[in-house]
C-alpha cells in the first residue's frame, strides 16, 4: 500500500490512478456472458484532514466494470471451410483417377 502526502486547495481535484496488469484468461475463466465484462473490486481511499492527526477518513469507491477483448467466434467457421475445401480437392483428384477412362494403345 503506497503512502504519500499532498496538499489540496479548496475546489480542486486530485486523481489517483492504480496500475493494473492485463492477463490473458484461460477458457475456463471466461464468464458465461462475455459481453458483460469483468468486475474490478473497489479500492479504499484513506485520507486525513490537515491538522487533525487522530482522524483518518476512509472512502470506498464504486466497483469498476471493464470490457476485455473477446474470442472471435468466426474462427471455427473459417477452419471448417478450409478443411472441407481441402477434402473436396483431394476427393475430386482421387475420384478422377478411378473414373477417368484410359485410352487403349493398339
Protein backbone atom coordinates (compact mmCIF):
# COMPACT_ATOMS: atom_id res chain seq x y z
CA UNK A 1 0.00 0.00 0.00
CA UNK A 2 1.55 3.29 -1.10
CA UNK A 3 1.53 6.35 1.10
CA UNK A 4 2.09 9.94 0.03
CA UNK A 5 1.26 13.43 1.26
CA UNK A 6 -0.45 16.02 -0.94
CA UNK A 7 -1.79 19.46 -0.08
CA UNK A 8 -5.05 20.09 -1.95
CA UNK A 9 -6.56 23.56 -2.22
CA UNK A 10 -10.31 24.01 -1.94
CA UNK A 11 -12.36 23.39 -5.11
CA UNK A 12 -9.55 21.36 -6.68
CA UNK A 13 -9.49 17.80 -7.92
CA UNK A 14 -6.99 15.03 -7.22
CA UNK A 15 -6.86 11.94 -9.42
CA UNK A 16 -5.41 8.73 -8.08
CA UNK A 17 -4.53 6.08 -10.65
CA UNK A 18 -3.87 2.45 -9.76
CA UNK A 19 -1.89 0.32 -12.19
CA UNK A 20 -3.45 -2.93 -13.38
CA UNK A 21 -1.99 -5.86 -15.28
CA UNK A 22 -3.69 -7.23 -18.36
CA UNK A 23 -3.53 -11.01 -18.41
CA UNK A 24 -4.88 -13.47 -20.93
CA UNK A 25 -7.71 -15.51 -19.48
CA UNK A 26 -7.95 -19.24 -19.91
CA UNK A 27 -11.06 -20.72 -21.45
CA UNK A 28 -12.42 -21.83 -18.08
CA UNK A 29 -12.15 -18.33 -16.57
CA UNK A 30 -14.34 -16.56 -19.12
CA UNK A 31 -17.82 -15.73 -17.83
CA UNK A 32 -20.91 -17.29 -19.37
CA UNK A 33 -21.88 -13.89 -20.79
CA UNK A 34 -18.70 -12.45 -22.36
CA UNK A 35 -20.45 -9.18 -23.23
CA UNK A 36 -20.86 -8.35 -19.54
CA UNK A 37 -17.17 -7.80 -18.78
CA UNK A 38 -15.23 -8.27 -15.57
CA UNK A 39 -15.66 -6.61 -12.18
CA UNK A 40 -12.75 -4.86 -10.51
CA UNK A 41 -13.32 -4.58 -6.79
CA UNK A 42 -13.47 -1.19 -5.12
CA UNK A 43 -10.32 0.30 -3.60
CA UNK A 44 -10.45 2.05 -0.24
CA UNK A 45 -9.09 5.59 -0.18
CA UNK A 46 -7.81 6.57 3.26
CA UNK A 47 -7.17 10.25 3.85
CA UNK A 48 -6.58 12.57 6.76
CA UNK A 49 -7.55 16.23 7.12
CA UNK A 50 -4.57 18.54 7.70
CA UNK A 51 -4.14 19.48 11.34
CA UNK A 52 -6.27 16.61 12.67
CA UNK A 53 -3.78 13.82 13.39
CA UNK A 54 -6.29 11.49 15.08
CA UNK A 55 -8.98 11.13 12.41
CA UNK A 56 -8.48 9.00 9.31
CA UNK A 57 -11.33 9.09 6.81
CA UNK A 58 -11.97 6.07 4.63
CA UNK A 59 -13.90 6.24 1.39
CA UNK A 60 -14.78 3.24 -0.73
CA UNK A 61 -15.20 3.86 -4.44
CA UNK A 62 -17.69 2.03 -6.65
CA UNK A 63 -16.81 -1.17 -8.42
CA UNK A 64 -15.46 -0.80 -11.92
CA UNK A 65 -16.72 -2.83 -14.87
CA UNK A 66 -14.17 -3.46 -17.63
CA UNK A 67 -14.76 -4.93 -21.05
CA UNK A 68 -11.97 -7.19 -22.24
CA UNK A 69 -11.32 -8.49 -25.76
CA UNK A 70 -13.45 -11.49 -26.60
CA UNK A 71 -12.56 -14.55 -28.63
CA UNK A 72 -13.65 -14.29 -32.23
CA UNK A 73 -16.38 -16.86 -32.87
CA UNK A 74 -15.92 -16.88 -36.66
CA UNK A 75 -12.68 -18.89 -36.37
CA UNK A 76 -14.36 -22.34 -36.23
CA UNK A 77 -16.36 -21.44 -39.34
CA UNK A 78 -13.18 -20.47 -41.20
CA UNK A 79 -11.44 -23.70 -40.16
CA UNK A 80 -14.38 -25.83 -41.29
CA UNK A 81 -14.48 -24.05 -44.67
CA UNK A 82 -10.76 -24.53 -45.32
CA UNK A 83 -10.85 -28.17 -44.18
CA UNK A 84 -13.83 -29.01 -46.39
CA UNK A 85 -12.20 -27.28 -49.36
CA UNK A 86 -9.08 -29.43 -48.90
CA UNK A 87 -11.19 -32.60 -48.53
CA UNK A 88 -13.10 -31.72 -51.68
CA UNK A 89 -9.89 -31.12 -53.65
CA UNK A 90 -8.36 -34.43 -52.52
CA UNK A 91 -11.60 -36.36 -53.11
CA UNK A 92 -12.05 -34.99 -56.64
CA UNK A 93 -8.46 -35.83 -57.58
CA UNK A 94 -8.78 -39.40 -56.29
CA UNK A 95 -12.22 -39.77 -57.87
CA UNK A 96 -10.94 -38.56 -61.24
CA UNK A 97 -8.09 -41.10 -61.14
CA UNK A 98 -10.54 -44.00 -60.76
CA UNK A 99 -13.23 -42.80 -63.14
CA UNK A 100 -11.15 -41.44 -66.00
CA UNK A 101 -11.10 -43.72 -68.98
CA UNK A 102 -7.70 -44.62 -70.21
CA UNK A 103 -7.04 -44.77 -73.92
CA UNK A 104 -6.01 -48.15 -75.06
CA UNK A 105 -2.88 -48.31 -77.13
CA UNK A 106 -3.12 -50.72 -80.07
